[in-house]
Amino acid sequence: MEDSAAAGDRAGSSSGRGSARRAAGLRALRAAAPGDADRLLIATLSIRGGPGVWASAFSRTHPDVQLEVLNQSQVDAKVSVSDYWMSGGPPGVWAPEIRGYRDVVKVDALAGVGEGSLYRVTYRNPPVVYLYRELGVPLQFPIRIQAGVLRFEVVSRYSEFQRILAYARSVDPDSQVVSIRRTPLRSHLPALTGPQQSLLERAMAAGYFAVPREITLTDLAKDLNRSKSSVSEAIALIEKKLLESALRASSLMP
């Protein structure tokens, strides 16, 4: 059995590596701090999920199972529903276990897909959902989870990202900024025309894309002094471009 000095050396080395990673992440964050309001900060975070989140607890129990959170919709102020792809096992095999977690309200086994299965899980919101709502920052999907560690992308302004990072560090002091960069807003979006860009920005400012939606299509059209049908068609074209851009980006991922 190893002596305490050797164990202490190894612990100190591991702690040193963790501190070095955190310091490197903070240096990158400071370097990426935008100098103007029309900048987005795009970062990938890795965080060990906290207690009370079923997916984190489940993946710690089954470290070989890969989970991907594909979406999220609000049921009410305190409850959401998401679709999860989970590797391994026939459809429905994990449903009884998932139902046993205290924050889970309902589980539906949907279908087998590829080397895994789809589940629709209704659950009580973890604190991070309320933080994102407060900031008005959309969740980015998919969120990948394995062995209790979540890996996800944040697209926000610098001040908003500071709040998200502070939350991550409160849950997991060893959370890491895996990558970070900054970019002008227009370069992050697909090639929208000038009128489309203007409509998107005004609709976002009015809360049309907020969850829950803060303005109806009818009221948005009135504010823009346009017909409801023309605004609906214009937004549909914008959403199509956004979707096509996201699909192109995902097809390039390894």
C-alpha atoms as a PDB file:
ATOM      1  CA  MET A   1       0.000   0.000   0.000  1.00  0.00           C
ATOM      2  CA  GLU A   2       1.354   3.483  -0.850  1.00  0.00           C
ATOM      3  CA  ASP A   3       2.594   5.734   1.941  1.00  0.00           C
ATOM      4  CA  SER A   4       0.829   8.986   2.852  1.00  0.00           C
ATOM      5  CA  ALA A   5       3.592  11.157   1.389  1.00  0.00           C
ATOM      6  CA  ALA A   6       3.201   9.591  -2.063  1.00  0.00           C
ATOM      7  CA  ALA A   7      -0.562   9.924  -1.873  1.00  0.00           C
ATOM      8  CA  GLY A   8      -0.194  13.547  -0.819  1.00  0.00           C
ATOM      9  CA  ASP A   9       2.143  14.254  -3.726  1.00  0.00           C
ATOM     10  CA  ARG A  10      -0.367  12.795  -6.166  1.00  0.00           C
ATOM     11  CA  ALA A  11      -3.267  14.725  -4.613  1.00  0.00           C
ATOM     12  CA  GLY A  12      -1.243  17.920  -4.780  1.00  0.00           C
ATOM     13  CA  SER A  13      -0.373  17.240  -8.411  1.00  0.00           C
ATOM     14  CA  SER A  14      -4.040  16.622  -9.284  1.00  0.00           C
ATOM     15  CA  SER A  15      -5.083  19.773  -7.435  1.00  0.00           C
ATOM     16  CA  GLY A  16      -2.370  21.712  -9.232  1.00  0.00           C
ATOM     17  CA  ARG A  17      -3.586  20.518 -12.628  1.00  0.00           C
ATOM     18  CA  GLY A  18      -7.152  21.477 -11.725  1.00  0.00           C
ATOM     19  CA  SER A  19      -6.028  24.934 -10.615  1.00  0.00           C
ATOM     20  CA  ALA A  20      -4.037  25.357 -13.818  1.00  0.00           C
ATOM     21  CA  ARG A  21      -7.067  24.439 -15.936  1.00  0.00           C
ATOM     22  CA  ARG A  22      -9.272  26.901 -14.044  1.00  0.00           C
ATOM     23  CA  ALA A  23      -6.658  29.646 -14.356  1.00  0.00           C
ATOM     24  CA  ALA A  24      -6.366  29.009 -18.093  1.00  0.00           C
ATOM     25  CA  GLY A  25     -10.143  29.184 -18.429  1.00  0.00           C
ATOM     26  CA  LEU A  26     -10.279  32.508 -16.573  1.00  0.00           C
ATOM     27  CA  ARG A  27      -7.495  33.947 -18.733  1.00  0.00           C
ATOM     28  CA  ALA A  28      -9.425  32.925 -21.845  1.00  0.00           C
ATOM     29  CA  LEU A  29     -12.596  34.463 -20.417  1.00  0.00           C
ATOM     30  CA  ARG A  30     -10.870  37.779 -19.709  1.00  0.00           C
ATOM     31  CA  ALA A  31      -9.314  37.790 -23.168  1.00  0.00           C
ATOM     32  CA  ALA A  32     -12.704  37.122 -24.751  1.00  0.00           C
ATOM     33  CA  ALA A  33     -14.478  39.897 -22.852  1.00  0.00           C
ATOM     34  CA  PRO A  34     -16.346  41.820 -25.540  1.00  0.00           C
ATOM     35  CA  GLY A  35     -15.592  45.489 -25.963  1.00  0.00           C
ATOM     36  CA  ASP A  36     -18.989  46.434 -27.376  1.00  0.00           C
ATOM     37  CA  ALA A  37     -22.636  45.462 -27.028  1.00  0.00           C
ATOM     38  CA  ASP A  38     -22.833  43.828 -30.464  1.00  0.00           C
ATOM     39  CA  ARG A  39     -20.596  40.926 -29.442  1.00  0.00           C
ATOM     40  CA  LEU A  40     -21.514  37.397 -28.508  1.00  0.00           C
ATOM     41  CA  LEU A  41     -19.400  35.180 -26.334  1.00  0.00           C
ATOM     42  CA  ILE A  42     -19.558  31.527 -27.377  1.00  0.00           C
ATOM     43  CA  ALA A  43     -18.239  29.046 -24.822  1.00  0.00           C
ATOM     44  CA  THR A  44     -18.342  25.345 -24.080  1.00  0.00           C
ATOM     45  CA  LEU A  45     -18.583  24.379 -20.407  1.00  0.00           C
ATOM     46  CA  SER A  46     -17.971  21.081 -18.658  1.00  0.00           C
ATOM     47  CA  ILE A  47     -19.602  20.712 -15.241  1.00  0.00           C
ATOM     48  CA  ARG A  48     -20.338  17.869 -12.862  1.00  0.00           C
ATOM     49  CA  GLY A  49     -24.076  18.109 -12.230  1.00  0.00           C
ATOM     50  CA  GLY A  50     -25.301  18.875  -8.748  1.00  0.00           C
ATOM     51  CA  PRO A  51     -27.681  16.893  -6.528  1.00  0.00           C
ATOM     52  CA  GLY A  52     -31.369  16.797  -7.313  1.00  0.00           C
ATOM     53  CA  VAL A  53     -30.964  16.567 -11.099  1.00  0.00           C
ATOM     54  CA  TRP A  54     -32.127  13.147 -12.259  1.00  0.00           C
ATOM     55  CA  ALA A  55     -30.016  12.959 -15.427  1.00  0.00           C
ATOM     56  CA  SER A  56     -26.786  13.699 -13.537  1.00  0.00           C
ATOM     57  CA  ALA A  57     -27.577  11.158 -10.829  1.00  0.00           C
ATOM     58  CA  PHE A  58     -28.588   8.544 -13.398  1.00  0.00           C
ATOM     59  CA  SER A  59     -25.417   8.996 -15.444  1.00  0.00           C
ATOM     60  CA  ARG A  60     -23.239   8.700 -12.342  1.00  0.00           C
ATOM     61  CA  THR A  61     -24.925   5.377 -11.607  1.00  0.00           C
ATOM     62  CA  HIS A  62     -24.488   4.261 -15.252  1.00  0.00           C
ATOM     63  CA  PRO A  63     -21.211   5.908 -16.386  1.00  0.00           C
ATOM     64  CA  ASP A  64     -21.122   3.961 -19.668  1.00  0.00           C
ATOM     65  CA  VAL A  65     -24.499   5.318 -20.807  1.00  0.00           C
ATOM     66  CA  GLN A  66     -24.417   8.435 -22.976  1.00  0.00           C
ATOM     67  CA  LEU A  67     -27.303  10.924 -22.653  1.00  0.00           C
ATOM     68  CA  GLU A  68     -28.202  13.800 -24.933  1.00  0.00           C
ATOM     69  CA  VAL A  69     -30.824  16.368 -23.938  1.00  0.00           C
ATOM     70  CA  LEU A  70     -32.411  17.281 -27.274  1.00  0.00           C
ATOM     71  CA  ASN A  71     -34.864  20.048 -26.334  1.00  0.00           C
ATOM     72  CA  GLN A  72     -36.813  21.646 -23.509  1.00  0.00           C
ATOM     73  CA  SER A  73     -40.370  22.969 -23.284  1.00  0.00           C
ATOM     74  CA  GLN A  74     -42.088  24.613 -20.360  1.00  0.00           C
ATOM     75  CA  VAL A  75     -45.122  22.847 -18.892  1.00  0.00           C
ATOM     76  CA  ASP A  76     -45.699  25.490 -16.230  1.00  0.00           C
ATOM     77  CA  ALA A  77     -43.567  27.850 -14.135  1.00  0.00           C
ATOM     78  CA  LYS A  78     -41.909  25.011 -12.222  1.00  0.00           C
ATOM     79  CA  VAL A  79     -42.068  22.024 -14.577  1.00  0.00           C
ATOM     80  CA  SER A  80     -40.509  21.321 -17.981  1.00  0.00           C
ATOM     81  CA  VAL A  81     -40.411  18.432 -20.436  1.00  0.00           C
ATOM     82  CA  SER A  82     -37.437  17.294 -22.531  1.00  0.00           C
ATOM     83  CA  ASP A  83     -36.597  14.529 -24.981  1.00  0.00           C
ATOM     84  CA  TYR A  84     -33.502  12.499 -24.143  1.00  0.00           C
ATOM     85  CA  TRP A  85     -31.541  10.123 -26.334  1.00  0.00           C
ATOM     86  CA  MET A  86     -29.858   7.423 -24.246  1.00  0.00           C
ATOM     87  CA  SER A  87     -27.369   4.888 -25.546  1.00  0.00           C
ATOM     88  CA  GLY A  88     -27.738   1.157 -25.043  1.00  0.00           C
ATOM     89  CA  GLY A  89     -30.631  -1.017 -23.999  1.00  0.00           C
ATOM     90  CA  PRO A  90     -33.951  -1.737 -25.725  1.00  0.00           C
ATOM     91  CA  PRO A  91     -36.661   0.970 -25.764  1.00  0.00           C
ATOM     92  CA  GLY A  92     -38.099   1.606 -22.319  1.00  0.00           C
ATOM     93  CA  VAL A  93     -35.527  -0.351 -20.331  1.00  0.00           C
ATOM     94  CA  TRP A  94     -34.544   2.665 -18.208  1.00  0.00           C
ATOM     95  CA  ALA A  95     -38.073   4.045 -17.691  1.00  0.00           C
ATOM     96  CA  PRO A  96     -38.805   2.389 -14.285  1.00  0.00           C
ATOM     97  CA  GLU A  97     -35.497   3.615 -12.858  1.00  0.00           C
ATOM     98  CA  ILE A  98     -35.966   7.162 -14.173  1.00  0.00           C
ATOM     99  CA  ARG A  99     -39.440   7.324 -12.605  1.00  0.00           C
ATOM    100  CA  GLY A 100     -37.832   6.725  -9.213  1.00  0.00           C
ATOM    101  CA  TYR A 101     -35.997  10.066  -9.112  1.00  0.00           C
ATOM    102  CA  ARG A 102     -37.664  12.695  -6.926  1.00  0.00           C
ATOM    103  CA  ASP A 103     -37.565  15.474  -9.523  1.00  0.00           C
ATOM    104  CA  VAL A 104     -39.187  13.289 -12.231  1.00  0.00           C
ATOM    105  CA  VAL A 105     -42.909  13.771 -12.769  1.00  0.00           C
ATOM    106  CA  LYS A 106     -43.519  11.502 -15.774  1.00  0.00           C
ATOM    107  CA  VAL A 107     -41.585   9.286 -18.211  1.00  0.00           C
ATOM    108  CA  ASP A 108     -42.599   8.123 -21.685  1.00  0.00           C
ATOM    109  CA  ALA A 109     -40.486   5.659 -23.668  1.00  0.00           C
ATOM    110  CA  LEU A 110     -40.790   6.796 -27.290  1.00  0.00           C
ATOM    111  CA  ALA A 111     -38.755   4.615 -29.651  1.00  0.00           C
ATOM    112  CA  GLY A 112     -35.436   2.972 -30.404  1.00  0.00           C
ATOM    113  CA  VAL A 113     -33.115   5.254 -32.387  1.00  0.00           C
ATOM    114  CA  GLY A 114     -29.700   4.123 -33.590  1.00  0.00           C
ATOM    115  CA  GLU A 115     -27.763   2.469 -30.788  1.00  0.00           C
ATOM    116  CA  GLY A 116     -30.129   3.784 -28.118  1.00  0.00           C
ATOM    117  CA  SER A 117     -33.634   4.977 -27.320  1.00  0.00           C
ATOM    118  CA  LEU A 118     -35.659   8.172 -26.969  1.00  0.00           C
ATOM    119  CA  TYR A 119     -37.383   9.074 -23.704  1.00  0.00           C
ATOM    120  CA  ARG A 120     -39.653  12.015 -22.959  1.00  0.00           C
ATOM    121  CA  VAL A 121     -39.220  13.086 -19.344  1.00  0.00           C
ATOM    122  CA  THR A 122     -41.313  15.632 -17.458  1.00  0.00           C
ATOM    123  CA  TYR A 123     -39.372  17.023 -14.485  1.00  0.00           C
ATOM    124  CA  ARG A 124     -39.210  19.783 -11.898  1.00  0.00           C
ATOM    125  CA  ASN A 125     -36.880  22.532 -13.056  1.00  0.00           C
ATOM    126  CA  PRO A 126     -33.325  22.656 -11.697  1.00  0.00           C
ATOM    127  CA  PRO A 127     -32.078  26.115 -10.572  1.00  0.00           C
ATOM    128  CA  VAL A 128     -30.172  26.745 -13.824  1.00  0.00           C
ATOM    129  CA  VAL A 129     -33.461  26.955 -15.764  1.00  0.00           C
ATOM    130  CA  TYR A 130     -34.558  29.915 -13.634  1.00  0.00           C
ATOM    131  CA  LEU A 131     -31.171  31.591 -14.128  1.00  0.00           C
ATOM    132  CA  TYR A 132     -31.440  31.286 -17.914  1.00  0.00           C
ATOM    133  CA  ARG A 133     -34.977  32.693 -17.774  1.00  0.00           C
ATOM    134  CA  GLU A 134     -33.828  35.652 -15.680  1.00  0.00           C
ATOM    135  CA  LEU A 135     -31.017  36.405 -18.123  1.00  0.00           C
ATOM    136  CA  GLY A 136     -33.181  35.826 -21.193  1.00  0.00           C
ATOM    137  CA  VAL A 137     -30.520  33.487 -22.608  1.00  0.00           C
ATOM    138  CA  PRO A 138     -31.749  30.487 -24.652  1.00  0.00           C
ATOM    139  CA  LEU A 139     -30.564  27.021 -23.717  1.00  0.00           C
ATOM    140  CA  GLN A 140     -28.386  25.468 -26.421  1.00  0.00           C
ATOM    141  CA  PHE A 141     -28.995  21.851 -27.432  1.00  0.00           C
ATOM    142  CA  PRO A 142     -27.930  19.121 -27.405  1.00  0.00           C
ATOM    143  CA  ILE A 143     -26.587  18.975 -23.862  1.00  0.00           C
ATOM    144  CA  ARG A 144     -24.372  15.892 -23.515  1.00  0.00           C
ATOM    145  CA  ILE A 145     -24.115  14.013 -20.225  1.00  0.00           C
ATOM    146  CA  GLN A 146     -21.911  11.079 -19.245  1.00  0.00           C
ATOM    147  CA  ALA A 147     -20.642   9.842 -15.874  1.00  0.00           C
ATOM    148  CA  GLY A 148     -22.385  12.785 -14.200  1.00  0.00           C
ATOM    149  CA  VAL A 149     -20.576  15.405 -16.298  1.00  0.00           C
ATOM    150  CA  LEU A 150     -22.554  17.828 -18.480  1.00  0.00           C
ATOM    151  CA  ARG A 151     -20.992  19.399 -21.563  1.00  0.00           C
ATOM    152  CA  PHE A 152     -22.924  22.255 -23.159  1.00  0.00           C
ATOM    153  CA  GLU A 153     -22.543  25.451 -25.149  1.00  0.00           C
ATOM    154  CA  VAL A 154     -23.396  28.946 -23.945  1.00  0.00           C
ATOM    155  CA  VAL A 155     -24.106  31.749 -26.410  1.00  0.00           C
ATOM    156  CA  SER A 156     -24.493  35.030 -24.551  1.00  0.00           C
ATOM    157  CA  ARG A 157     -23.019  38.427 -23.854  1.00  0.00           C
ATOM    158  CA  TYR A 158     -20.042  38.641 -21.505  1.00  0.00           C
ATOM    159  CA  SER A 159     -21.954  39.853 -18.431  1.00  0.00           C
ATOM    160  CA  GLU A 160     -24.552  37.087 -18.847  1.00  0.00           C
ATOM    161  CA  PHE A 161     -21.853  34.461 -19.218  1.00  0.00           C
ATOM    162  CA  GLN A 162     -20.213  35.637 -15.980  1.00  0.00           C
ATOM    163  CA  ARG A 163     -23.469  34.855 -14.138  1.00  0.00           C
ATOM    164  CA  ILE A 164     -23.723  31.415 -15.761  1.00  0.00           C
ATOM    165  CA  LEU A 165     -20.087  30.618 -14.985  1.00  0.00           C
ATOM    166  CA  ALA A 166     -20.533  31.722 -11.359  1.00  0.00           C
ATOM    167  CA  TYR A 167     -23.496  29.355 -11.073  1.00  0.00           C
ATOM    168  CA  ALA A 168     -21.464  26.519 -12.626  1.00  0.00           C
ATOM    169  CA  ARG A 169     -18.635  27.100 -10.138  1.00  0.00           C
ATOM    170  CA  SER A 170     -21.103  27.110  -7.225  1.00  0.00           C
ATOM    171  CA  VAL A 171     -22.328  23.657  -8.303  1.00  0.00           C
ATOM    172  CA  ASP A 172     -18.909  22.285  -9.255  1.00  0.00           C
ATOM    173  CA  PRO A 173     -15.752  24.207  -8.215  1.00  0.00           C
ATOM    174  CA  ASP A 174     -13.833  22.143 -10.797  1.00  0.00           C
ATOM    175  CA  SER A 175     -16.109  23.069 -13.711  1.00  0.00           C
ATOM    176  CA  GLN A 176     -14.104  23.932 -16.815  1.00  0.00           C
ATOM    177  CA  VAL A 177     -14.315  26.404 -19.664  1.00  0.00           C
ATOM    178  CA  VAL A 178     -13.472  23.950 -22.444  1.00  0.00           C
ATOM    179  CA  SER A 179     -13.391  26.559 -25.207  1.00  0.00           C
ATOM    180  CA  ILE A 180     -14.315  30.190 -25.604  1.00  0.00           C
ATOM    181  CA  ARG A 181     -14.367  32.741 -28.377  1.00  0.00           C
ATOM    182  CA  ARG A 182     -16.134  35.956 -29.259  1.00  0.00           C
ATOM    183  CA  THR A 183     -17.777  36.946 -32.484  1.00  0.00           C
ATOM    184  CA  PRO A 184     -19.917  39.764 -33.901  1.00  0.00           C
ATOM    185  CA  LEU A 185     -23.616  38.962 -33.726  1.00  0.00           C
ATOM    186  CA  ARG A 186     -23.986  38.935 -37.512  1.00  0.00           C
ATOM    187  CA  SER A 187     -21.181  36.425 -37.997  1.00  0.00           C
ATOM    188  CA  HIS A 188     -22.878  33.976 -35.635  1.00  0.00           C
ATOM    189  CA  LEU A 189     -26.139  34.104 -37.548  1.00  0.00           C
ATOM    190  CA  PRO A 190     -26.795  32.769 -41.058  1.00  0.00           C
ATOM    191  CA  ALA A 191     -26.834  35.255 -43.957  1.00  0.00           C
ATOM    192  CA  LEU A 192     -29.996  37.237 -43.257  1.00  0.00           C
ATOM    193  CA  THR A 193     -31.000  40.180 -45.410  1.00  0.00           C
ATOM    194  CA  GLY A 194     -31.034  43.634 -43.832  1.00  0.00           C
ATOM    195  CA  PRO A 195     -34.838  43.657 -43.339  1.00  0.00           C
ATOM    196  CA  GLN A 196     -34.739  40.108 -41.941  1.00  0.00           C
ATOM    197  CA  GLN A 197     -31.983  41.071 -39.494  1.00  0.00           C
ATOM    198  CA  SER A 198     -33.974  44.131 -38.408  1.00  0.00           C
ATOM    199  CA  LEU A 199     -37.162  42.090 -37.941  1.00  0.00           C
ATOM    200  CA  LEU A 200     -35.321  39.437 -35.949  1.00  0.00           C
ATOM    201  CA  GLU A 201     -33.783  42.007 -33.616  1.00  0.00           C
ATOM    202  CA  ARG A 202     -37.089  43.838 -33.080  1.00  0.00           C
ATOM    203  CA  ALA A 203     -38.986  40.571 -32.485  1.00  0.00           C
ATOM    204  CA  MET A 204     -36.353  39.442 -29.975  1.00  0.00           C
ATOM    205  CA  ALA A 205     -36.429  42.805 -28.185  1.00  0.00           C
ATOM    206  CA  ALA A 206     -40.232  42.626 -27.972  1.00  0.00           C
ATOM    207  CA  GLY A 207     -40.056  39.146 -26.412  1.00  0.00           C
ATOM    208  CA  TYR A 208     -41.559  37.206 -29.320  1.00  0.00           C
ATOM    209  CA  PHE A 209     -38.964  34.424 -28.946  1.00  0.00           C
ATOM    210  CA  ALA A 210     -38.992  34.442 -25.144  1.00  0.00           C
ATOM    211  CA  VAL A 211     -40.195  31.399 -23.178  1.00  0.00           C
ATOM    212  CA  PRO A 212     -42.977  31.954 -22.342  1.00  0.00           C
ATOM    213  CA  ARG A 213     -43.705  34.313 -25.257  1.00  0.00           C
ATOM    214  CA  GLU A 214     -44.112  37.919 -24.098  1.00  0.00           C
ATOM    215  CA  ILE A 215     -45.930  39.299 -27.159  1.00  0.00           C
ATOM    216  CA  THR A 216     -48.388  37.754 -29.613  1.00  0.00           C
ATOM    217  CA  LEU A 217     -47.885  37.736 -33.358  1.00  0.00           C
ATOM    218  CA  THR A 218     -50.892  40.059 -33.702  1.00  0.00           C
ATOM    219  CA  ASP A 219     -49.443  42.633 -31.286  1.00  0.00           C
ATOM    220  CA  LEU A 220     -45.996  42.348 -32.849  1.00  0.00           C
ATOM    221  CA  ALA A 221     -47.473  43.075 -36.278  1.00  0.00           C
ATOM    222  CA  LYS A 222     -49.305  46.112 -34.873  1.00  0.00           C
ATOM    223  CA  ASP A 223     -46.069  47.423 -33.344  1.00  0.00           C
ATOM    224  CA  LEU A 224     -44.341  47.007 -36.709  1.00  0.00           C
ATOM    225  CA  ASN A 225     -47.274  48.533 -38.598  1.00  0.00           C
ATOM    226  CA  ARG A 226     -47.461  45.461 -40.808  1.00  0.00           C
ATOM    227  CA  SER A 227     -50.047  42.803 -41.517  1.00  0.00           C
ATOM    228  CA  LYS A 228     -50.065  39.710 -39.346  1.00  0.00           C
ATOM    229  CA  SER A 229     -49.670  37.437 -42.383  1.00  0.00           C
ATOM    230  CA  SER A 230     -46.608  39.283 -43.729  1.00  0.00           C
ATOM    231  CA  VAL A 231     -44.869  39.201 -40.328  1.00  0.00           C
ATOM    232  CA  SER A 232     -45.725  35.517 -39.901  1.00  0.00           C
ATOM    233  CA  GLU A 233     -44.287  34.671 -43.327  1.00  0.00           C
ATOM    234  CA  ALA A 234     -41.152  36.768 -42.728  1.00  0.00           C
ATOM    235  CA  ILE A 235     -40.478  35.128 -39.352  1.00  0.00           C
ATOM    236  CA  ALA A 236     -41.025  31.678 -40.867  1.00  0.00           C
ATOM    237  CA  LEU A 237     -38.343  32.437 -43.484  1.00  0.00           C
ATOM    238  CA  ILE A 238     -35.953  33.649 -40.766  1.00  0.00           C
ATOM    239  CA  GLU A 239     -36.556  30.507 -38.695  1.00  0.00           C
ATOM    240  CA  LYS A 240     -35.960  28.362 -41.794  1.00  0.00           C
ATOM    241  CA  LYS A 241     -32.579  30.031 -42.340  1.00  0.00           C
ATOM    242  CA  LEU A 242     -31.675  29.593 -38.680  1.00  0.00           C
ATOM    243  CA  LEU A 243     -32.639  25.912 -38.760  1.00  0.00           C
ATOM    244  CA  GLU A 244     -30.752  25.238 -41.985  1.00  0.00           C
ATOM    245  CA  SER A 245     -27.686  26.973 -40.534  1.00  0.00           C
ATOM    246  CA  ALA A 246     -27.871  24.855 -37.359  1.00  0.00           C
ATOM    247  CA  LEU A 247     -28.206  21.656 -39.361  1.00  0.00           C
ATOM    248  CA  ARG A 248     -25.223  22.572 -41.529  1.00  0.00           C
ATOM    249  CA  ALA A 249     -23.151  23.264 -38.430  1.00  0.00           C
ATOM    250  CA  SER A 250     -24.137  19.989 -36.759  1.00  0.00           C
ATOM    251  CA  SER A 251     -23.335  17.995 -39.902  1.00  0.00           C
ATOM    252  CA  LEU A 252     -19.721  19.242 -39.644  1.00  0.00           C
ATOM    253  CA  MET A 253     -19.324  18.069 -36.051  1.00  0.00           C
ATOM    254  CA  PRO A 254     -17.257  14.877 -35.502  1.00  0.00           C
END
